[in-house]
Amino acid sequence: MRKYFCPKCKGETFEEVLADVTVTYRIINTSDGPDYDEQTSCEGGYVARIQCESCGHIVLDTGDKPVTSLEELAPILETVGAYRDE
């Protein structure tokens, strides 16, 4: 199995960062007053970048633009040697 990691900190988890997204949360009454319950919707937006969850390093493609799709992530990490076979 091939494992990919951040080329900066070696962290093994990445996150997709979205921009221009509308997110709504239900607000409920509790004994302490109003509080957030669960996310009820997430609409619109686009993937702005994929980055390391640990250090925030933004993964860039060969044109120095942020990687924005999961399909791009592994090939780009392979070009910089940020993987190991286990």
N, C-alpha and C. Protein backbone atom coordinates (compact mmCIF):
# COMPACT_ATOMS: atom_id res chain seq x y z
N MET A 1 0.85 -1.18 0.00
CA MET A 1 0.00 0.00 0.00
C MET A 1 0.89 1.24 0.00
N ARG A 2 0.54 2.21 -0.82
CA ARG A 2 1.29 3.45 -0.89
C ARG A 2 0.67 4.47 0.07
N LYS A 3 1.51 5.07 0.91
CA LYS A 3 1.05 6.11 1.84
C LYS A 3 1.68 7.43 1.44
N TYR A 4 0.85 8.46 1.44
CA TYR A 4 1.30 9.79 1.06
C TYR A 4 1.40 10.65 2.30
N PHE A 5 2.32 11.62 2.27
CA PHE A 5 2.52 12.49 3.43
C PHE A 5 2.89 13.89 2.98
N CYS A 6 2.79 14.82 3.90
CA CYS A 6 3.13 16.21 3.64
C CYS A 6 4.63 16.32 3.40
N PRO A 7 5.04 16.98 2.32
CA PRO A 7 6.47 17.13 2.07
C PRO A 7 7.17 18.04 3.08
N LYS A 8 6.40 18.81 3.84
CA LYS A 8 7.00 19.72 4.81
C LYS A 8 7.15 19.09 6.19
N CYS A 9 6.05 18.52 6.74
CA CYS A 9 6.08 18.02 8.12
C CYS A 9 5.94 16.51 8.24
N LYS A 10 5.70 15.82 7.13
CA LYS A 10 5.49 14.37 7.08
C LYS A 10 4.14 13.93 7.66
N GLY A 11 3.23 14.87 7.92
CA GLY A 11 1.89 14.53 8.38
C GLY A 11 1.17 13.72 7.30
N GLU A 12 0.33 12.78 7.72
CA GLU A 12 -0.31 11.87 6.76
C GLU A 12 -1.77 12.19 6.47
N THR A 13 -2.28 13.30 6.96
CA THR A 13 -3.67 13.65 6.66
C THR A 13 -3.70 15.03 6.00
N PHE A 14 -4.60 15.13 5.04
CA PHE A 14 -4.77 16.37 4.29
C PHE A 14 -6.21 16.83 4.46
N GLU A 15 -6.45 18.09 4.14
CA GLU A 15 -7.81 18.61 4.20
C GLU A 15 -8.10 19.43 2.96
N GLU A 16 -9.36 19.37 2.56
CA GLU A 16 -9.85 20.13 1.42
C GLU A 16 -10.45 21.42 1.97
N VAL A 17 -9.96 22.55 1.50
CA VAL A 17 -10.44 23.85 1.96
C VAL A 17 -11.37 24.44 0.91
N LEU A 18 -12.61 24.72 1.31
CA LEU A 18 -13.62 25.26 0.40
C LEU A 18 -13.74 26.77 0.59
N ALA A 19 -14.13 27.47 -0.46
CA ALA A 19 -14.36 28.91 -0.40
C ALA A 19 -15.75 29.22 -0.95
N ASP A 20 -16.30 30.33 -0.50
CA ASP A 20 -17.62 30.79 -0.95
C ASP A 20 -18.72 29.75 -0.73
N VAL A 21 -18.72 29.15 0.45
CA VAL A 21 -19.69 28.11 0.80
C VAL A 21 -20.72 28.70 1.75
N THR A 22 -21.97 28.33 1.57
CA THR A 22 -23.03 28.71 2.50
C THR A 22 -23.34 27.49 3.36
N VAL A 23 -23.10 27.63 4.66
CA VAL A 23 -23.34 26.55 5.61
C VAL A 23 -24.38 27.02 6.61
N THR A 24 -25.35 26.18 6.91
CA THR A 24 -26.34 26.53 7.92
C THR A 24 -26.32 25.50 9.04
N TYR A 25 -26.55 25.99 10.26
CA TYR A 25 -26.63 25.14 11.44
C TYR A 25 -27.95 25.40 12.13
N ARG A 26 -28.54 24.35 12.64
CA ARG A 26 -29.76 24.46 13.44
C ARG A 26 -29.36 24.99 14.82
N ILE A 27 -30.16 25.91 15.36
CA ILE A 27 -29.95 26.42 16.71
C ILE A 27 -31.11 25.93 17.56
N ILE A 28 -30.80 25.31 18.68
CA ILE A 28 -31.83 24.73 19.54
C ILE A 28 -31.78 25.37 20.92
N ASN A 29 -32.86 25.21 21.66
CA ASN A 29 -32.91 25.65 23.05
C ASN A 29 -32.32 24.57 23.94
N THR A 30 -31.48 24.98 24.88
CA THR A 30 -30.93 24.06 25.87
C THR A 30 -31.15 24.68 27.25
N SER A 31 -30.82 23.95 28.29
CA SER A 31 -30.97 24.49 29.64
C SER A 31 -30.05 25.69 29.87
N ASP A 32 -29.00 25.82 29.06
CA ASP A 32 -28.08 26.96 29.16
C ASP A 32 -28.41 28.06 28.16
N GLY A 33 -29.52 27.93 27.44
CA GLY A 33 -29.90 28.91 26.43
C GLY A 33 -29.68 28.36 25.04
N PRO A 34 -29.79 29.21 24.01
CA PRO A 34 -29.62 28.75 22.63
C PRO A 34 -28.22 28.16 22.41
N ASP A 35 -28.17 27.10 21.61
CA ASP A 35 -26.89 26.47 21.29
C ASP A 35 -26.98 25.85 19.90
N TYR A 36 -25.83 25.65 19.28
CA TYR A 36 -25.80 25.02 17.96
C TYR A 36 -26.09 23.53 18.09
N ASP A 37 -26.84 23.00 17.13
CA ASP A 37 -27.17 21.58 17.10
C ASP A 37 -26.34 20.93 16.00
N GLU A 38 -26.91 20.68 14.85
CA GLU A 38 -26.21 20.00 13.77
C GLU A 38 -26.20 20.86 12.52
N GLN A 39 -25.24 20.58 11.66
CA GLN A 39 -25.20 21.25 10.37
C GLN A 39 -26.39 20.77 9.56
N THR A 40 -27.14 21.70 8.99
CA THR A 40 -28.32 21.31 8.24
C THR A 40 -28.15 21.42 6.73
N SER A 41 -27.22 22.25 6.28
CA SER A 41 -26.96 22.29 4.84
C SER A 41 -25.60 22.90 4.55
N CYS A 42 -25.10 22.57 3.38
CA CYS A 42 -23.84 23.10 2.89
C CYS A 42 -24.01 23.21 1.38
N GLU A 43 -23.99 24.44 0.86
CA GLU A 43 -24.27 24.64 -0.55
C GLU A 43 -23.25 25.57 -1.20
N GLY A 44 -23.06 25.35 -2.49
CA GLY A 44 -22.23 26.23 -3.29
C GLY A 44 -20.76 26.08 -2.99
N GLY A 45 -20.01 27.06 -3.44
CA GLY A 45 -18.58 27.10 -3.18
C GLY A 45 -17.76 26.28 -4.15
N TYR A 46 -16.47 26.29 -3.88
CA TYR A 46 -15.52 25.56 -4.71
C TYR A 46 -14.32 25.18 -3.84
N VAL A 47 -13.55 24.21 -4.31
CA VAL A 47 -12.35 23.81 -3.60
C VAL A 47 -11.27 24.83 -3.90
N ALA A 48 -10.80 25.51 -2.87
CA ALA A 48 -9.76 26.52 -3.05
C ALA A 48 -8.37 25.89 -3.03
N ARG A 49 -8.21 24.83 -2.22
CA ARG A 49 -6.90 24.18 -2.11
C ARG A 49 -7.00 22.90 -1.27
N ILE A 50 -5.98 22.08 -1.40
CA ILE A 50 -5.79 20.93 -0.51
C ILE A 50 -4.51 21.22 0.25
N GLN A 51 -4.58 21.05 1.56
CA GLN A 51 -3.43 21.37 2.40
C GLN A 51 -3.24 20.30 3.47
N CYS A 52 -2.07 20.32 4.09
CA CYS A 52 -1.77 19.40 5.18
C CYS A 52 -2.62 19.78 6.38
N GLU A 53 -3.27 18.80 6.98
CA GLU A 53 -4.10 19.07 8.15
C GLU A 53 -3.25 19.45 9.36
N SER A 54 -2.03 18.94 9.44
CA SER A 54 -1.16 19.20 10.59
C SER A 54 -0.50 20.58 10.57
N CYS A 55 0.13 20.93 9.45
CA CYS A 55 0.91 22.18 9.42
C CYS A 55 0.34 23.25 8.49
N GLY A 56 -0.67 22.91 7.68
CA GLY A 56 -1.27 23.89 6.79
C GLY A 56 -0.54 24.09 5.48
N HIS A 57 0.51 23.30 5.24
CA HIS A 57 1.26 23.42 3.98
C HIS A 57 0.32 23.19 2.80
N ILE A 58 0.30 24.12 1.86
CA ILE A 58 -0.56 24.02 0.68
C ILE A 58 0.17 23.23 -0.39
N VAL A 59 -0.47 22.17 -0.87
CA VAL A 59 0.13 21.33 -1.91
C VAL A 59 -0.04 22.05 -3.25
N LEU A 60 1.08 22.28 -3.93
CA LEU A 60 1.07 23.01 -5.20
C LEU A 60 1.33 22.07 -6.36
N ASP A 61 0.72 22.37 -7.51
CA ASP A 61 0.97 21.57 -8.70
C ASP A 61 2.26 22.04 -9.37
N THR A 62 2.58 21.49 -10.51
CA THR A 62 3.83 21.83 -11.18
C THR A 62 3.86 23.27 -11.69
N GLY A 63 2.70 23.92 -11.78
CA GLY A 63 2.63 25.32 -12.18
C GLY A 63 2.53 26.26 -10.98
N ASP A 64 2.85 25.75 -9.79
CA ASP A 64 2.79 26.51 -8.54
C ASP A 64 1.39 27.02 -8.20
N LYS A 65 0.38 26.29 -8.63
CA LYS A 65 -1.01 26.61 -8.26
C LYS A 65 -1.47 25.56 -7.26
N PRO A 66 -2.36 25.93 -6.33
CA PRO A 66 -2.84 24.95 -5.35
C PRO A 66 -3.56 23.77 -6.01
N VAL A 67 -3.27 22.58 -5.52
CA VAL A 67 -3.99 21.38 -5.95
C VAL A 67 -5.42 21.51 -5.44
N THR A 68 -6.40 21.23 -6.31
CA THR A 68 -7.80 21.42 -5.93
C THR A 68 -8.65 20.17 -6.09
N SER A 69 -8.04 19.04 -6.46
CA SER A 69 -8.85 17.82 -6.59
C SER A 69 -8.08 16.63 -6.03
N LEU A 70 -8.83 15.68 -5.54
CA LEU A 70 -8.25 14.46 -5.00
C LEU A 70 -7.48 13.70 -6.07
N GLU A 71 -7.96 13.76 -7.31
CA GLU A 71 -7.30 13.06 -8.41
C GLU A 71 -5.90 13.61 -8.68
N GLU A 72 -5.68 14.89 -8.39
CA GLU A 72 -4.37 15.51 -8.60
C GLU A 72 -3.39 15.23 -7.47
N LEU A 73 -3.90 14.96 -6.28
CA LEU A 73 -3.06 14.92 -5.08
C LEU A 73 -1.95 13.87 -5.14
N ALA A 74 -2.29 12.61 -5.36
CA ALA A 74 -1.28 11.55 -5.35
C ALA A 74 -0.19 11.77 -6.41
N PRO A 75 -0.53 12.05 -7.66
CA PRO A 75 0.53 12.27 -8.65
C PRO A 75 1.48 13.42 -8.29
N ILE A 76 0.94 14.49 -7.74
CA ILE A 76 1.80 15.62 -7.35
C ILE A 76 2.71 15.23 -6.20
N LEU A 77 2.17 14.54 -5.19
CA LEU A 77 3.00 14.11 -4.06
C LEU A 77 4.07 13.13 -4.52
N GLU A 78 3.76 12.31 -5.51
CA GLU A 78 4.76 11.39 -6.04
C GLU A 78 5.90 12.13 -6.73
N THR A 79 5.60 13.24 -7.42
CA THR A 79 6.66 13.98 -8.11
C THR A 79 7.67 14.59 -7.15
N VAL A 80 7.25 14.84 -5.89
CA VAL A 80 8.18 15.41 -4.91
C VAL A 80 8.67 14.36 -3.91
N GLY A 81 8.34 13.09 -4.15
CA GLY A 81 8.82 12.02 -3.29
C GLY A 81 8.14 11.94 -1.93
N ALA A 82 6.94 12.49 -1.82
CA ALA A 82 6.23 12.52 -0.53
C ALA A 82 5.31 11.30 -0.39
N TYR A 83 5.92 10.12 -0.45
CA TYR A 83 5.18 8.86 -0.29
C TYR A 83 6.14 7.77 0.14
N ARG A 84 5.57 6.68 0.63
CA ARG A 84 6.35 5.49 0.93
C ARG A 84 5.46 4.27 0.67
N ASP A 85 6.08 3.19 0.27
CA ASP A 85 5.36 1.93 0.05
C ASP A 85 5.52 1.06 1.29
N GLU A 86 4.39 0.56 1.77
CA GLU A 86 4.42 -0.29 2.97
C GLU A 86 3.83 -1.64 2.66
